[in-house]
Amino acid sequence: MLHHRGVSGLERARADLAAGDVRVARERLKSLVVTHPHDLEVRRLLAEAYRRDGQPAEAGRWGYLVGPDATESERRAFERHNGFASYAARVTEPRLRRLLRSDDLGLIADERGRALLRSLPRRKPSARRDGPFAFVARRLAILRATARWR
């Protein structure tokens, strides 16, 4: 963790949240998640900061793969905000890694998160009809996700 006069950045962010200074805590935590992308405590506190600031999509983003760190409505808000069910913007694992700022989603996912990762290739708008190549590509993606995120 980053230290300033003997106090870690995480401790300072906790103190900021406790004092009600959500904006400062959020900025501090955003810089920490860049330097410590797999630290679940940083992600949990960042989700809490956005929750307190009334931003459910961002709260859902930072708690997306860890069951207790985001509510279902926050996860859905994150998915809607990022076009998970839009016609063109299929959510792939590389795209989710960019959104969550993690090169290894397995390091930040609990069992609930792994279930979400297994379900990604199945998601598409109900009106969308895959052609033969897209159908085969989706089936292969489903098999890969199922094997990888057991």
C-alpha atoms as a PDB file:
ATOM      1  CA  MET A   1       0.000   0.000   0.000  1.00  0.00           C
ATOM      2  CA  LEU A   2       0.986   3.604  -0.445  1.00  0.00           C
ATOM      3  CA  HIS A   3       2.229   5.266   2.715  1.00  0.00           C
ATOM      4  CA  HIS A   4       2.160   8.881   3.740  1.00  0.00           C
ATOM      5  CA  ARG A   5       3.705   9.745   7.090  1.00  0.00           C
ATOM      6  CA  GLY A   6       3.315   6.185   8.321  1.00  0.00           C
ATOM      7  CA  VAL A   7      -0.341   5.841   7.261  1.00  0.00           C
ATOM      8  CA  SER A   8      -1.311   3.671   4.281  1.00  0.00           C
ATOM      9  CA  GLY A   9      -3.471   5.006   1.493  1.00  0.00           C
ATOM     10  CA  LEU A  10      -6.080   2.415   2.386  1.00  0.00           C
ATOM     11  CA  GLU A  11      -6.204   3.582   6.007  1.00  0.00           C
ATOM     12  CA  ARG A  12      -6.543   7.184   4.838  1.00  0.00           C
ATOM     13  CA  ALA A  13      -9.381   6.204   2.501  1.00  0.00           C
ATOM     14  CA  ARG A  14     -11.145   4.418   5.365  1.00  0.00           C
ATOM     15  CA  ALA A  15     -10.748   7.538   7.511  1.00  0.00           C
ATOM     16  CA  ASP A  16     -12.109   9.710   4.680  1.00  0.00           C
ATOM     17  CA  LEU A  17     -15.166   7.451   4.349  1.00  0.00           C
ATOM     18  CA  ALA A  18     -15.696   7.460   8.109  1.00  0.00           C
ATOM     19  CA  ALA A  19     -15.526  11.265   8.099  1.00  0.00           C
ATOM     20  CA  GLY A  20     -18.088  11.393   5.276  1.00  0.00           C
ATOM     21  CA  ASP A  21     -15.653  12.747   2.682  1.00  0.00           C
ATOM     22  CA  VAL A  22     -16.723  10.325  -0.029  1.00  0.00           C
ATOM     23  CA  ARG A  23     -15.207  12.224  -2.955  1.00  0.00           C
ATOM     24  CA  VAL A  24     -11.701  12.276  -1.440  1.00  0.00           C
ATOM     25  CA  ALA A  25     -11.979   8.619  -0.408  1.00  0.00           C
ATOM     26  CA  ARG A  26     -13.147   7.662  -3.891  1.00  0.00           C
ATOM     27  CA  GLU A  27     -10.241   9.462  -5.581  1.00  0.00           C
ATOM     28  CA  ARG A  28      -7.754   7.885  -3.192  1.00  0.00           C
ATOM     29  CA  LEU A  29      -9.242   4.409  -3.770  1.00  0.00           C
ATOM     30  CA  LYS A  30      -9.265   4.845  -7.561  1.00  0.00           C
ATOM     31  CA  SER A  31      -5.522   5.443  -7.475  1.00  0.00           C
ATOM     32  CA  LEU A  32      -5.053   2.442  -5.170  1.00  0.00           C
ATOM     33  CA  VAL A  33      -6.981   0.095  -7.469  1.00  0.00           C
ATOM     34  CA  VAL A  34      -4.557   1.007 -10.274  1.00  0.00           C
ATOM     35  CA  THR A  35      -1.515   0.094  -8.189  1.00  0.00           C
ATOM     36  CA  HIS A  36      -3.185  -2.836  -6.385  1.00  0.00           C
ATOM     37  CA  PRO A  37      -5.711  -4.232  -8.898  1.00  0.00           C
ATOM     38  CA  HIS A  38      -6.294  -7.517  -7.032  1.00  0.00           C
ATOM     39  CA  ASP A  39      -6.752  -6.072  -3.546  1.00  0.00           C
ATOM     40  CA  LEU A  40     -10.336  -7.003  -2.668  1.00  0.00           C
ATOM     41  CA  GLU A  41     -10.489  -4.563   0.244  1.00  0.00           C
ATOM     42  CA  VAL A  42      -9.711  -1.636  -2.072  1.00  0.00           C
ATOM     43  CA  ARG A  43     -12.465  -2.797  -4.447  1.00  0.00           C
ATOM     44  CA  ARG A  44     -14.952  -3.289  -1.603  1.00  0.00           C
ATOM     45  CA  LEU A  45     -14.310   0.197  -0.240  1.00  0.00           C
ATOM     46  CA  LEU A  46     -14.488   1.718  -3.722  1.00  0.00           C
ATOM     47  CA  ALA A  47     -17.889   0.067  -4.239  1.00  0.00           C
ATOM     48  CA  GLU A  48     -18.999   1.465  -0.874  1.00  0.00           C
ATOM     49  CA  ALA A  49     -17.777   4.971  -1.763  1.00  0.00           C
ATOM     50  CA  TYR A  50     -19.751   4.947  -5.021  1.00  0.00           C
ATOM     51  CA  ARG A  51     -22.785   3.526  -3.212  1.00  0.00           C
ATOM     52  CA  ARG A  52     -22.685   6.382  -0.712  1.00  0.00           C
ATOM     53  CA  ASP A  53     -22.343   8.839  -3.578  1.00  0.00           C
ATOM     54  CA  GLY A  54     -25.494   7.466  -5.241  1.00  0.00           C
ATOM     55  CA  GLN A  55     -23.765   5.859  -8.228  1.00  0.00           C
ATOM     56  CA  PRO A  56     -25.077   2.276  -8.382  1.00  0.00           C
ATOM     57  CA  ALA A  57     -23.471   1.418 -11.749  1.00  0.00           C
ATOM     58  CA  GLU A  58     -20.003   2.201 -10.397  1.00  0.00           C
ATOM     59  CA  ALA A  59     -20.741   0.438  -7.095  1.00  0.00           C
ATOM     60  CA  GLY A  60     -21.735  -2.592  -9.178  1.00  0.00           C
ATOM     61  CA  ARG A  61     -18.559  -2.321 -11.218  1.00  0.00           C
ATOM     62  CA  TRP A  62     -16.211  -2.521  -8.257  1.00  0.00           C
ATOM     63  CA  GLY A  63     -18.156  -5.250  -6.472  1.00  0.00           C
ATOM     64  CA  TYR A  64     -19.238  -7.120  -9.604  1.00  0.00           C
ATOM     65  CA  LEU A  65     -17.334 -10.389  -9.123  1.00  0.00           C
ATOM     66  CA  VAL A  66     -17.524 -10.612  -5.330  1.00  0.00           C
ATOM     67  CA  GLY A  67     -20.922 -11.698  -4.039  1.00  0.00           C
ATOM     68  CA  PRO A  68     -21.363  -9.523  -0.942  1.00  0.00           C
ATOM     69  CA  ASP A  69     -19.622  -6.432  -2.349  1.00  0.00           C
ATOM     70  CA  ALA A  70     -22.473  -5.337  -4.641  1.00  0.00           C
ATOM     71  CA  THR A  71     -26.218  -5.793  -4.692  1.00  0.00           C
ATOM     72  CA  GLU A  72     -28.013  -7.419  -7.608  1.00  0.00           C
ATOM     73  CA  SER A  73     -29.496  -4.054  -8.589  1.00  0.00           C
ATOM     74  CA  GLU A  74     -25.993  -2.524  -8.617  1.00  0.00           C
ATOM     75  CA  ARG A  75     -24.705  -5.364 -10.807  1.00  0.00           C
ATOM     76  CA  ARG A  76     -27.626  -4.881 -13.200  1.00  0.00           C
ATOM     77  CA  ALA A  77     -26.963  -1.115 -13.265  1.00  0.00           C
ATOM     78  CA  PHE A  78     -23.308  -1.809 -14.142  1.00  0.00           C
ATOM     79  CA  GLU A  79     -24.377  -4.232 -16.889  1.00  0.00           C
ATOM     80  CA  ARG A  80     -26.922  -1.778 -18.348  1.00  0.00           C
ATOM     81  CA  HIS A  81     -24.444   1.090 -18.210  1.00  0.00           C
ATOM     82  CA  ASN A  82     -21.860  -0.956 -20.117  1.00  0.00           C
ATOM     83  CA  GLY A  83     -24.209  -2.441 -22.704  1.00  0.00           C
ATOM     84  CA  PHE A  84     -24.079  -6.088 -21.642  1.00  0.00           C
ATOM     85  CA  ALA A  85     -27.376  -6.752 -23.400  1.00  0.00           C
ATOM     86  CA  SER A  86     -27.064  -4.300 -26.284  1.00  0.00           C
ATOM     87  CA  TYR A  87     -27.169  -5.568 -29.820  1.00  0.00           C
ATOM     88  CA  ALA A  88     -23.584  -4.766 -30.757  1.00  0.00           C
ATOM     89  CA  ALA A  89     -21.610  -4.653 -27.520  1.00  0.00           C
ATOM     90  CA  ARG A  90     -21.188  -8.279 -26.528  1.00  0.00           C
ATOM     91  CA  VAL A  91     -19.413  -8.624 -23.220  1.00  0.00           C
ATOM     92  CA  THR A  92     -16.281 -10.664 -23.553  1.00  0.00           C
ATOM     93  CA  GLU A  93     -13.746 -11.578 -20.924  1.00  0.00           C
ATOM     94  CA  PRO A  94     -11.120  -9.158 -22.325  1.00  0.00           C
ATOM     95  CA  ARG A  95     -13.659  -6.326 -22.242  1.00  0.00           C
ATOM     96  CA  LEU A  96     -14.619  -7.184 -18.663  1.00  0.00           C
ATOM     97  CA  ARG A  97     -10.921  -7.224 -17.683  1.00  0.00           C
ATOM     98  CA  ARG A  98     -10.613  -3.673 -19.031  1.00  0.00           C
ATOM     99  CA  LEU A  99     -13.783  -2.509 -17.265  1.00  0.00           C
ATOM    100  CA  LEU A 100     -12.718  -4.022 -13.948  1.00  0.00           C
ATOM    101  CA  ARG A 101      -9.052  -3.059 -14.390  1.00  0.00           C
ATOM    102  CA  SER A 102      -7.770  -6.534 -13.675  1.00  0.00           C
ATOM    103  CA  ASP A 103      -5.567  -8.700 -15.854  1.00  0.00           C
ATOM    104  CA  ASP A 104      -6.668 -11.836 -13.983  1.00  0.00           C
ATOM    105  CA  LEU A 105     -10.378 -11.943 -13.119  1.00  0.00           C
ATOM    106  CA  GLY A 106      -9.856 -15.177 -11.199  1.00  0.00           C
ATOM    107  CA  LEU A 107      -7.951 -13.242  -8.531  1.00  0.00           C
ATOM    108  CA  ILE A 108     -10.939 -11.018  -7.770  1.00  0.00           C
ATOM    109  CA  ALA A 109     -13.838 -13.449  -8.325  1.00  0.00           C
ATOM    110  CA  ASP A 110     -15.498 -15.525  -5.640  1.00  0.00           C
ATOM    111  CA  GLU A 111     -17.845 -18.424  -6.490  1.00  0.00           C
ATOM    112  CA  ARG A 112     -20.640 -15.984  -7.391  1.00  0.00           C
ATOM    113  CA  GLY A 113     -18.219 -14.105  -9.636  1.00  0.00           C
ATOM    114  CA  ARG A 114     -17.134 -17.298 -11.362  1.00  0.00           C
ATOM    115  CA  ALA A 115     -20.792 -18.083 -12.088  1.00  0.00           C
ATOM    116  CA  LEU A 116     -21.134 -14.633 -13.693  1.00  0.00           C
ATOM    117  CA  LEU A 117     -18.018 -15.287 -15.778  1.00  0.00           C
ATOM    118  CA  ARG A 118     -19.417 -18.647 -16.923  1.00  0.00           C
ATOM    119  CA  SER A 119     -22.632 -16.927 -18.017  1.00  0.00           C
ATOM    120  CA  LEU A 120     -21.032 -14.141 -20.101  1.00  0.00           C
ATOM    121  CA  PRO A 121     -20.920 -16.003 -23.451  1.00  0.00           C
ATOM    122  CA  ARG A 122     -24.627 -16.883 -23.133  1.00  0.00           C
ATOM    123  CA  ARG A 123     -25.737 -13.274 -22.879  1.00  0.00           C
ATOM    124  CA  LYS A 124     -27.282 -11.666 -25.910  1.00  0.00           C
ATOM    125  CA  PRO A 125     -30.392  -9.632 -26.646  1.00  0.00           C
ATOM    126  CA  SER A 126     -33.436 -11.874 -27.085  1.00  0.00           C
ATOM    127  CA  ALA A 127     -34.179 -10.344 -30.508  1.00  0.00           C
ATOM    128  CA  ARG A 128     -30.682 -11.002 -31.825  1.00  0.00           C
ATOM    129  CA  ARG A 129     -30.375 -14.006 -34.100  1.00  0.00           C
ATOM    130  CA  ASP A 130     -26.893 -15.403 -34.572  1.00  0.00           C
ATOM    131  CA  GLY A 131     -25.808 -16.525 -38.003  1.00  0.00           C
ATOM    132  CA  PRO A 132     -24.087 -19.906 -38.345  1.00  0.00           C
ATOM    133  CA  PHE A 133     -20.588 -18.554 -37.624  1.00  0.00           C
ATOM    134  CA  ALA A 134     -21.731 -16.491 -34.628  1.00  0.00           C
ATOM    135  CA  PHE A 135     -23.646 -19.516 -33.319  1.00  0.00           C
ATOM    136  CA  VAL A 136     -20.539 -21.726 -33.454  1.00  0.00           C
ATOM    137  CA  ALA A 137     -18.353 -18.973 -31.953  1.00  0.00           C
ATOM    138  CA  ARG A 138     -20.830 -18.496 -29.087  1.00  0.00           C
ATOM    139  CA  ARG A 139     -20.962 -22.253 -28.397  1.00  0.00           C
ATOM    140  CA  LEU A 140     -17.161 -22.448 -28.310  1.00  0.00           C
ATOM    141  CA  ALA A 141     -17.024 -19.435 -25.971  1.00  0.00           C
ATOM    142  CA  ILE A 142     -19.568 -21.107 -23.679  1.00  0.00           C
ATOM    143  CA  LEU A 143     -17.470 -24.289 -23.552  1.00  0.00           C
ATOM    144  CA  ARG A 144     -14.272 -22.327 -22.828  1.00  0.00           C
ATOM    145  CA  ALA A 145     -15.921 -20.237 -20.086  1.00  0.00           C
ATOM    146  CA  THR A 146     -17.479 -23.304 -18.495  1.00  0.00           C
ATOM    147  CA  ALA A 147     -14.109 -25.088 -18.395  1.00  0.00           C
ATOM    148  CA  ARG A 148     -12.139 -22.066 -17.200  1.00  0.00           C
ATOM    149  CA  TRP A 149     -14.450 -20.727 -14.465  1.00  0.00           C
ATOM    150  CA  ARG A 150     -15.437 -23.952 -12.702  1.00  0.00           C
END
